[in-house]
Amino acid sequence: MNAARPPRLDWRVAFIAATVLVIVFAALSLSVNVPRGGNLVTTVRPQLIMWGLWLLLLPLVMAVSRRVQAIGVFSAKGVLIHIVAGATLSLVHAVVWGVIRWYTTVPASRDLGKAVAVMVSFLYGGDLLRYVVIIAAYHAIAYRSEAMERRVEEERLTARLAQARLEALEARLHPHFLFNALNTVASLIRTNPDAAVSVVEHLGELLRAALHAEPGREITLAEELQLVEQYAAIQRARFSDRLTIEVHAPPDTLRARVPQLILQPLVENAIRHGIAPREAPGTVRIEAVRRNGDLHLSVTDDGVGFGRATFGANTKSGQGIGLNNTRERLAQHYGDQFVLDLAPNAPTGTVATIELPFRRGEDRGA
């Protein structure tokens, strides 16, 4: 993690702060001096000179504080630097203030050295305290800046880790699907070469869309259903008239955004575990419904079925790489704002249901 940039001198803030300090201390002095014959000018002028000199010295104070911030505020070297700098700059301030006062007022002594020495003894302790207040404000701002930058960097790191994990999940999903599709081609190439060629063509289109997409990409449900149709065409070539795939998606659901290839593992499981083991024809039905601000997706088959399992965001159980990856990908996209449920279908088969937040195309990233 890169070190945070130290705060830079903002003269506008410095002037505002000095003005406020002049007003505050002048008001305090005025309340004491008025009964003694003091007036506004004689009360404000010393405060203007006092804090004006500290404004002139502020670049040096900031330079020292930046160096100490880099070394360590509470390190022995950092403390020593501040002690030396504070003693020196406070002395410079007191001496300059003494000289100015000697020239601008009726001096108590005609000897400049004695007059300045008196002012130094009078102001030096207060100047040390002012130096401490200034550097304390600087280091407080610096620590706050570092904390904010560290938090931003941690959030960026978390996002990068989540993206890397999502890419790893998708990298596992693509070969898994590819191997299954190639098995289909191998089973057809001797018995039905034309069907095998058709499968390869559909597989090429599907893989082109999947592999050229950005990792973690969300697409519209309409685009996702097009990918499912490419996959369905591959499976229909294998099962011929034994497989029927139906899609029911109202127009208001088609613009919803979903993770790419989120339905394909569910359709694959429905065919592989539900339809393939039986000899009779079977149907896989894909439905989309918008309900209460959520998008409900379901993949239902009337095959042999394979029990019940529920996959929430914190559930560790699963049925094969497809469903495990689907659950983990949903968790990466939506945190705990999703449901993946696998249940028996009546009278036979299985129904897989996904519930996730409904987001239209223009809502992406909102």
Protein backbone atom coordinates (compact mmCIF):
# COMPACT_ATOMS: atom_id res chain seq x y z
CA MET A 1 0.00 0.00 0.00
CA ASN A 2 1.36 3.39 -0.95
CA ALA A 3 1.90 5.98 1.79
CA ALA A 4 -0.70 8.71 1.96
CA ARG A 5 0.28 12.07 0.56
CA PRO A 6 0.95 14.57 3.37
CA PRO A 7 -1.46 17.51 3.56
CA ARG A 8 -0.35 20.57 1.61
CA LEU A 9 -0.61 24.17 2.76
CA ASP A 10 -3.92 25.70 1.74
CA TRP A 11 -3.46 29.45 2.17
CA ARG A 12 -7.20 30.08 2.09
CA VAL A 13 -7.73 27.81 5.08
CA ALA A 14 -4.68 29.30 6.81
CA PHE A 15 -5.96 32.88 6.39
CA ILE A 16 -9.42 31.93 7.63
CA ALA A 17 -7.96 30.16 10.66
CA ALA A 18 -5.66 33.13 11.43
CA THR A 19 -8.58 35.54 11.09
CA VAL A 20 -10.69 33.51 13.49
CA LEU A 21 -7.82 33.40 15.99
CA VAL A 22 -7.30 37.15 15.71
CA ILE A 23 -10.99 37.79 16.38
CA VAL A 24 -11.14 35.36 19.31
CA PHE A 25 -8.02 36.64 21.07
CA ALA A 26 -8.84 40.27 20.31
CA ALA A 27 -12.27 39.82 21.84
CA LEU A 28 -10.72 38.29 24.95
CA SER A 29 -8.15 41.09 25.22
CA LEU A 30 -10.77 43.75 24.56
CA SER A 31 -12.88 42.58 27.48
CA VAL A 32 -9.87 43.09 29.73
CA ASN A 33 -8.40 46.28 28.22
CA VAL A 34 -11.52 48.42 27.71
CA PRO A 35 -11.95 49.11 31.45
CA ARG A 36 -8.29 50.18 31.44
CA GLY A 37 -8.72 52.61 28.55
CA GLY A 38 -7.95 50.23 25.70
CA ASN A 39 -9.68 50.52 22.32
CA LEU A 40 -10.38 48.28 19.32
CA VAL A 41 -7.34 49.36 17.29
CA THR A 42 -4.81 48.92 20.06
CA THR A 43 -6.33 45.54 20.88
CA VAL A 44 -6.63 44.10 17.37
CA ARG A 45 -3.29 45.33 15.99
CA PRO A 46 -1.09 43.16 18.25
CA GLN A 47 -3.14 40.09 17.40
CA LEU A 48 -2.85 40.85 13.67
CA ILE A 49 0.92 41.11 13.97
CA MET A 50 1.11 38.04 16.22
CA TRP A 51 -0.80 35.69 13.92
CA GLY A 52 0.45 37.38 10.76
CA LEU A 53 3.99 36.42 11.73
CA TRP A 54 2.88 32.83 12.31
CA LEU A 55 1.34 32.85 8.82
CA LEU A 56 4.74 33.85 7.43
CA LEU A 57 6.40 31.06 9.42
CA LEU A 58 3.72 28.52 8.46
CA PRO A 59 5.54 27.10 5.37
CA LEU A 60 8.51 26.24 7.60
CA VAL A 61 6.23 24.67 10.22
CA MET A 62 4.51 22.62 7.50
CA ALA A 63 7.83 21.49 6.02
CA VAL A 64 9.05 20.31 9.44
CA SER A 65 5.73 18.58 10.15
CA ARG A 66 5.74 16.76 6.80
CA ARG A 67 9.21 15.43 7.51
CA VAL A 68 8.22 14.32 11.01
CA GLN A 69 5.04 12.70 9.65
CA ALA A 70 7.18 10.62 7.29
CA ILE A 71 9.59 9.63 10.07
CA GLY A 72 7.01 9.02 12.78
CA VAL A 73 5.38 11.62 15.02
CA PHE A 74 6.09 9.71 18.24
CA SER A 75 9.51 8.42 17.26
CA ALA A 76 12.51 9.75 19.14
CA LYS A 77 13.85 11.46 16.02
CA GLY A 78 10.48 13.00 15.20
CA VAL A 79 10.02 14.37 18.71
CA LEU A 80 13.58 15.76 18.69
CA ILE A 81 13.02 17.51 15.35
CA HIS A 82 9.85 19.14 16.65
CA ILE A 83 11.57 20.25 19.86
CA VAL A 84 14.42 21.89 17.95
CA ALA A 85 12.11 23.41 15.31
CA GLY A 86 9.60 24.60 17.90
CA ALA A 87 12.28 26.23 20.04
CA THR A 88 13.90 27.90 17.01
CA LEU A 89 10.74 29.15 15.28
CA SER A 90 9.22 30.35 18.54
CA LEU A 91 12.40 32.30 19.25
CA VAL A 92 12.37 33.80 15.74
CA HIS A 93 8.72 34.79 16.15
CA ALA A 94 9.29 36.38 19.56
CA VAL A 95 12.39 38.27 18.38
CA VAL A 96 10.70 39.62 15.23
CA TRP A 97 7.62 40.59 17.23
CA GLY A 98 9.85 42.37 19.77
CA VAL A 99 11.62 44.35 17.03
CA ILE A 100 8.32 45.35 15.41
CA ARG A 101 6.89 46.43 18.74
CA TRP A 102 10.02 48.46 19.56
CA TYR A 103 9.68 50.39 16.27
CA THR A 104 5.90 50.84 16.31
CA THR A 105 5.19 51.74 19.93
CA VAL A 106 6.74 53.81 22.65
CA PRO A 107 9.45 51.42 23.90
CA ALA A 108 9.92 50.75 27.56
CA SER A 109 13.66 50.91 26.93
CA ARG A 110 15.65 52.83 24.35
CA ASP A 111 17.99 49.82 24.09
CA LEU A 112 16.64 47.58 21.31
CA GLY A 113 18.37 44.50 22.69
CA LYS A 114 16.90 44.91 26.14
CA ALA A 115 13.44 45.66 24.74
CA VAL A 116 13.56 42.55 22.53
CA ALA A 117 14.84 40.42 25.40
CA VAL A 118 11.89 41.53 27.52
CA MET A 119 9.44 40.65 24.73
CA VAL A 120 11.09 37.27 24.16
CA SER A 121 10.81 36.39 27.84
CA PHE A 122 7.18 37.50 27.75
CA LEU A 123 6.14 35.76 24.51
CA TYR A 124 8.38 32.70 24.27
CA GLY A 125 6.25 30.32 26.35
CA GLY A 126 3.09 31.32 24.49
CA ASP A 127 4.82 30.92 21.13
CA LEU A 128 5.91 27.40 22.04
CA LEU A 129 2.31 26.60 22.87
CA ARG A 130 1.14 28.09 19.56
CA TYR A 131 3.69 25.97 17.69
CA VAL A 132 2.37 22.86 19.44
CA VAL A 133 -1.23 23.76 18.52
CA ILE A 134 -0.30 24.28 14.85
CA ILE A 135 1.60 21.00 14.50
CA ALA A 136 -1.11 19.13 16.41
CA ALA A 137 -3.69 20.38 13.90
CA TYR A 138 -1.40 19.38 11.02
CA HIS A 139 -0.81 15.85 12.31
CA ALA A 140 -4.50 15.37 13.10
CA ILE A 141 -5.34 16.28 9.49
CA ALA A 142 -2.52 14.05 8.23
CA TYR A 143 -3.73 11.05 10.23
CA ARG A 144 -7.28 11.58 9.02
CA SER A 145 -6.05 11.79 5.43
CA GLU A 146 -4.04 8.58 5.87
CA ALA A 147 -7.04 6.79 7.40
CA MET A 148 -9.32 7.84 4.53
CA GLU A 149 -6.77 6.83 1.90
CA ARG A 150 -6.18 3.51 3.65
CA ARG A 151 -9.92 2.83 3.72
CA VAL A 152 -10.24 3.66 0.03
CA GLU A 153 -7.29 1.40 -0.78
CA GLU A 154 -8.80 -1.43 1.29
CA GLU A 155 -12.07 -1.05 -0.59
CA ARG A 156 -10.20 -1.15 -3.89
CA LEU A 157 -8.31 -4.25 -2.76
CA THR A 158 -11.56 -5.93 -1.70
CA ALA A 159 -13.08 -5.14 -5.09
CA ARG A 160 -10.01 -6.50 -6.89
CA LEU A 161 -10.10 -9.70 -4.83
CA ALA A 162 -13.80 -10.14 -5.53
CA GLN A 163 -13.18 -9.60 -9.25
CA ALA A 164 -10.30 -12.06 -9.23
CA ARG A 165 -12.46 -14.65 -7.47
CA LEU A 166 -15.27 -14.12 -9.97
CA GLU A 167 -12.83 -14.53 -12.86
CA ALA A 168 -11.57 -17.77 -11.31
CA LEU A 169 -15.14 -19.07 -10.99
CA GLU A 170 -15.90 -18.24 -14.61
CA ALA A 171 -12.61 -19.77 -15.72
CA ARG A 172 -13.75 -23.03 -14.08
CA LEU A 173 -17.23 -22.78 -15.60
CA HIS A 174 -16.16 -22.39 -19.23
CA PRO A 175 -13.95 -25.52 -19.43
CA HIS A 176 -16.62 -27.51 -17.57
CA PHE A 177 -19.23 -26.55 -20.16
CA LEU A 178 -16.79 -27.04 -23.03
CA PHE A 179 -15.90 -30.60 -22.00
CA ASN A 180 -19.58 -31.54 -21.73
CA ALA A 181 -20.30 -30.07 -25.15
CA LEU A 182 -17.33 -31.90 -26.69
CA ASN A 183 -18.65 -35.14 -25.23
CA THR A 184 -21.87 -34.46 -27.11
CA VAL A 185 -19.92 -33.94 -30.35
CA ALA A 186 -17.98 -37.18 -29.74
CA SER A 187 -21.20 -39.15 -29.24
CA LEU A 188 -22.69 -37.81 -32.51
CA ILE A 189 -19.72 -37.71 -34.85
CA ARG A 190 -19.98 -41.40 -35.83
CA THR A 191 -23.74 -41.83 -35.76
CA ASN A 192 -24.87 -38.45 -37.09
CA PRO A 193 -22.06 -36.36 -38.64
CA ASP A 194 -24.45 -33.62 -39.81
CA ALA A 195 -25.75 -33.18 -36.26
CA ALA A 196 -22.16 -33.11 -34.98
CA VAL A 197 -21.32 -30.31 -37.43
CA SER A 198 -24.39 -28.38 -36.27
CA VAL A 199 -23.34 -28.83 -32.65
CA VAL A 200 -19.84 -27.51 -33.40
CA GLU A 201 -21.34 -24.43 -35.10
CA HIS A 202 -23.59 -23.67 -32.14
CA LEU A 203 -20.73 -24.37 -29.74
CA GLY A 204 -18.52 -21.90 -31.60
CA GLU A 205 -21.14 -19.16 -31.32
CA LEU A 206 -21.69 -19.85 -27.66
CA LEU A 207 -18.01 -19.94 -26.74
CA ARG A 208 -17.32 -16.80 -28.76
CA ALA A 209 -19.88 -14.92 -26.70
CA ALA A 210 -18.70 -16.42 -23.42
CA LEU A 211 -14.95 -16.18 -23.84
CA HIS A 212 -14.85 -12.71 -25.40
CA ALA A 213 -16.98 -11.16 -22.67
CA GLU A 214 -15.48 -9.24 -19.79
CA PRO A 215 -15.16 -11.29 -16.58
CA GLY A 216 -18.00 -10.58 -14.20
CA ARG A 217 -20.07 -9.08 -16.99
CA GLU A 218 -23.80 -8.63 -16.62
CA ILE A 219 -26.01 -8.86 -19.69
CA THR A 220 -29.72 -8.45 -20.29
CA LEU A 221 -31.99 -11.41 -19.77
CA ALA A 222 -32.80 -11.30 -23.49
CA GLU A 223 -29.09 -11.79 -24.29
CA GLU A 224 -28.83 -14.55 -21.68
CA LEU A 225 -31.78 -16.38 -23.23
CA GLN A 226 -30.06 -16.17 -26.62
CA LEU A 227 -27.05 -17.94 -25.12
CA VAL A 228 -29.38 -20.53 -23.59
CA GLU A 229 -30.91 -21.08 -27.03
CA GLN A 230 -27.44 -21.79 -28.47
CA TYR A 231 -26.89 -24.34 -25.72
CA ALA A 232 -30.38 -25.79 -26.21
CA ALA A 233 -29.65 -26.26 -29.91
CA ILE A 234 -26.61 -28.35 -28.99
CA GLN A 235 -28.65 -30.52 -26.65
CA ARG A 236 -31.54 -30.91 -29.12
CA ALA A 237 -29.06 -32.24 -31.65
CA ARG A 238 -28.08 -34.88 -29.13
CA PHE A 239 -31.52 -35.86 -27.82
CA SER A 240 -33.53 -35.20 -31.00
CA ASP A 241 -37.26 -35.43 -30.29
CA ARG A 242 -36.70 -36.57 -26.70
CA LEU A 243 -36.05 -32.99 -25.53
CA THR A 244 -38.31 -29.95 -25.57
CA ILE A 245 -37.18 -26.61 -24.17
CA GLU A 246 -39.74 -23.90 -23.47
CA VAL A 247 -39.05 -20.29 -22.56
CA HIS A 248 -41.59 -17.97 -20.93
CA ALA A 249 -40.26 -14.46 -20.27
CA PRO A 250 -42.63 -11.47 -20.30
CA PRO A 251 -41.32 -8.37 -22.12
CA ASP A 252 -40.89 -6.44 -18.84
CA THR A 253 -38.26 -8.98 -17.71
CA LEU A 254 -36.12 -9.04 -20.85
CA ARG A 255 -34.16 -5.87 -20.00
CA ALA A 256 -33.24 -7.08 -16.53
CA ARG A 257 -29.51 -7.54 -16.00
CA VAL A 258 -28.17 -10.94 -14.99
CA PRO A 259 -24.67 -12.45 -14.77
CA GLN A 260 -23.69 -13.96 -18.11
CA LEU A 261 -24.23 -17.74 -18.37
CA ILE A 262 -26.12 -17.86 -15.08
CA LEU A 263 -28.92 -20.02 -16.52
CA GLN A 264 -26.81 -22.43 -18.57
CA PRO A 265 -25.62 -24.58 -15.61
CA LEU A 266 -29.20 -24.94 -14.39
CA VAL A 267 -30.42 -25.97 -17.85
CA GLU A 268 -27.48 -28.36 -18.16
CA ASN A 269 -28.31 -29.99 -14.81
CA ALA A 270 -31.98 -30.30 -15.76
CA ILE A 271 -31.06 -32.13 -18.96
CA ARG A 272 -28.19 -34.18 -17.57
CA HIS A 273 -29.79 -35.29 -14.29
CA GLY A 274 -33.47 -35.08 -15.21
CA ILE A 275 -34.05 -35.81 -18.90
CA ALA A 276 -31.03 -37.90 -19.94
CA PRO A 277 -31.57 -40.83 -17.48
CA ARG A 278 -35.12 -41.48 -18.76
CA GLU A 279 -36.13 -42.95 -22.12
CA ALA A 280 -39.37 -41.01 -22.51
CA PRO A 281 -39.39 -37.47 -23.93
CA GLY A 282 -38.94 -34.67 -21.43
CA THR A 283 -39.41 -30.93 -21.17
CA VAL A 284 -37.29 -28.20 -19.66
CA ARG A 285 -39.18 -24.98 -18.95
CA ILE A 286 -37.42 -21.65 -18.33
CA GLU A 287 -39.50 -18.89 -16.75
CA ALA A 288 -38.83 -15.30 -15.72
CA VAL A 289 -41.10 -13.20 -13.50
CA ARG A 290 -40.69 -9.76 -11.99
CA ARG A 291 -42.08 -9.69 -8.46
CA ASN A 292 -41.69 -7.19 -5.58
CA GLY A 293 -38.55 -5.59 -7.00
CA ASP A 294 -36.88 -8.95 -7.63
CA LEU A 295 -36.32 -11.07 -10.71
CA HIS A 296 -37.45 -14.68 -10.28
CA LEU A 297 -35.88 -17.17 -12.69
CA SER A 298 -36.79 -20.85 -12.70
CA VAL A 299 -35.65 -23.89 -14.66
CA THR A 300 -38.07 -26.79 -14.33
CA ASP A 301 -37.83 -30.28 -15.76
CA ASP A 302 -40.15 -33.29 -15.64
CA GLY A 303 -37.32 -35.81 -15.47
CA VAL A 304 -36.34 -38.32 -12.83
CA GLY A 305 -35.34 -35.69 -10.26
CA PHE A 306 -32.46 -35.84 -7.79
CA GLY A 307 -33.70 -34.69 -4.39
CA ARG A 308 -33.81 -31.31 -2.72
CA ALA A 309 -31.14 -28.81 -1.69
CA THR A 310 -31.29 -25.11 -0.84
CA PHE A 311 -28.49 -22.70 -1.69
CA GLY A 312 -28.54 -19.36 0.07
CA ALA A 313 -25.71 -16.86 0.11
CA ASN A 314 -24.10 -18.55 3.12
CA THR A 315 -24.83 -22.16 2.19
CA LYS A 316 -21.88 -24.45 1.52
CA SER A 317 -23.75 -27.45 0.14
CA GLY A 318 -24.02 -28.06 -3.59
CA GLN A 319 -24.67 -30.52 -6.37
CA GLY A 320 -21.70 -30.49 -8.72
CA ILE A 321 -19.48 -27.76 -10.12
CA GLY A 322 -22.29 -26.07 -12.06
CA LEU A 323 -24.51 -25.33 -9.08
CA ASN A 324 -21.59 -24.57 -6.77
CA ASN A 325 -20.22 -22.07 -9.26
CA THR A 326 -23.66 -20.57 -9.80
CA ARG A 327 -24.10 -20.02 -6.07
CA GLU A 328 -20.63 -18.51 -5.66
CA ARG A 329 -21.02 -16.25 -8.70
CA LEU A 330 -24.35 -14.98 -7.39
CA ALA A 331 -22.71 -14.28 -4.03
CA GLN A 332 -19.95 -12.29 -5.73
CA HIS A 333 -22.48 -10.22 -7.68
CA TYR A 334 -25.18 -9.72 -5.05
CA GLY A 335 -23.70 -10.50 -1.63
CA ASP A 336 -26.52 -11.98 0.44
CA GLN A 337 -29.25 -10.45 -1.74
CA PHE A 338 -30.06 -13.62 -3.66
CA VAL A 339 -31.62 -17.06 -3.32
CA LEU A 340 -30.75 -20.23 -5.23
CA ASP A 341 -33.19 -23.01 -4.46
CA LEU A 342 -33.33 -26.57 -5.79
CA ALA A 343 -36.52 -28.52 -5.05
CA PRO A 344 -38.59 -31.47 -6.34
CA ASN A 345 -41.13 -30.73 -9.05
CA ALA A 346 -44.60 -32.28 -8.92
CA PRO A 347 -45.28 -34.92 -10.06
CA THR A 348 -41.71 -35.63 -11.26
CA GLY A 349 -38.53 -33.76 -11.91
CA THR A 350 -36.77 -30.79 -10.34
CA VAL A 351 -37.23 -27.06 -10.23
CA ALA A 352 -34.26 -24.69 -9.74
CA THR A 353 -35.13 -21.13 -8.76
CA ILE A 354 -33.01 -17.98 -8.63
CA GLU A 355 -34.18 -14.78 -6.96
CA LEU A 356 -32.05 -11.68 -7.39
CA PRO A 357 -32.51 -7.88 -7.39
CA PHE A 358 -34.25 -6.59 -10.50
CA ARG A 359 -32.01 -4.08 -12.30
CA ARG A 360 -32.68 -2.75 -15.75
CA GLY A 361 -29.90 -1.97 -18.21
CA GLU A 362 -29.77 1.72 -17.23
CA ASP A 363 -29.57 0.73 -13.53
CA ARG A 364 -26.31 -1.15 -13.93
CA GLY A 365 -23.87 -0.37 -11.17
CA ALA A 366 -26.47 1.55 -9.20
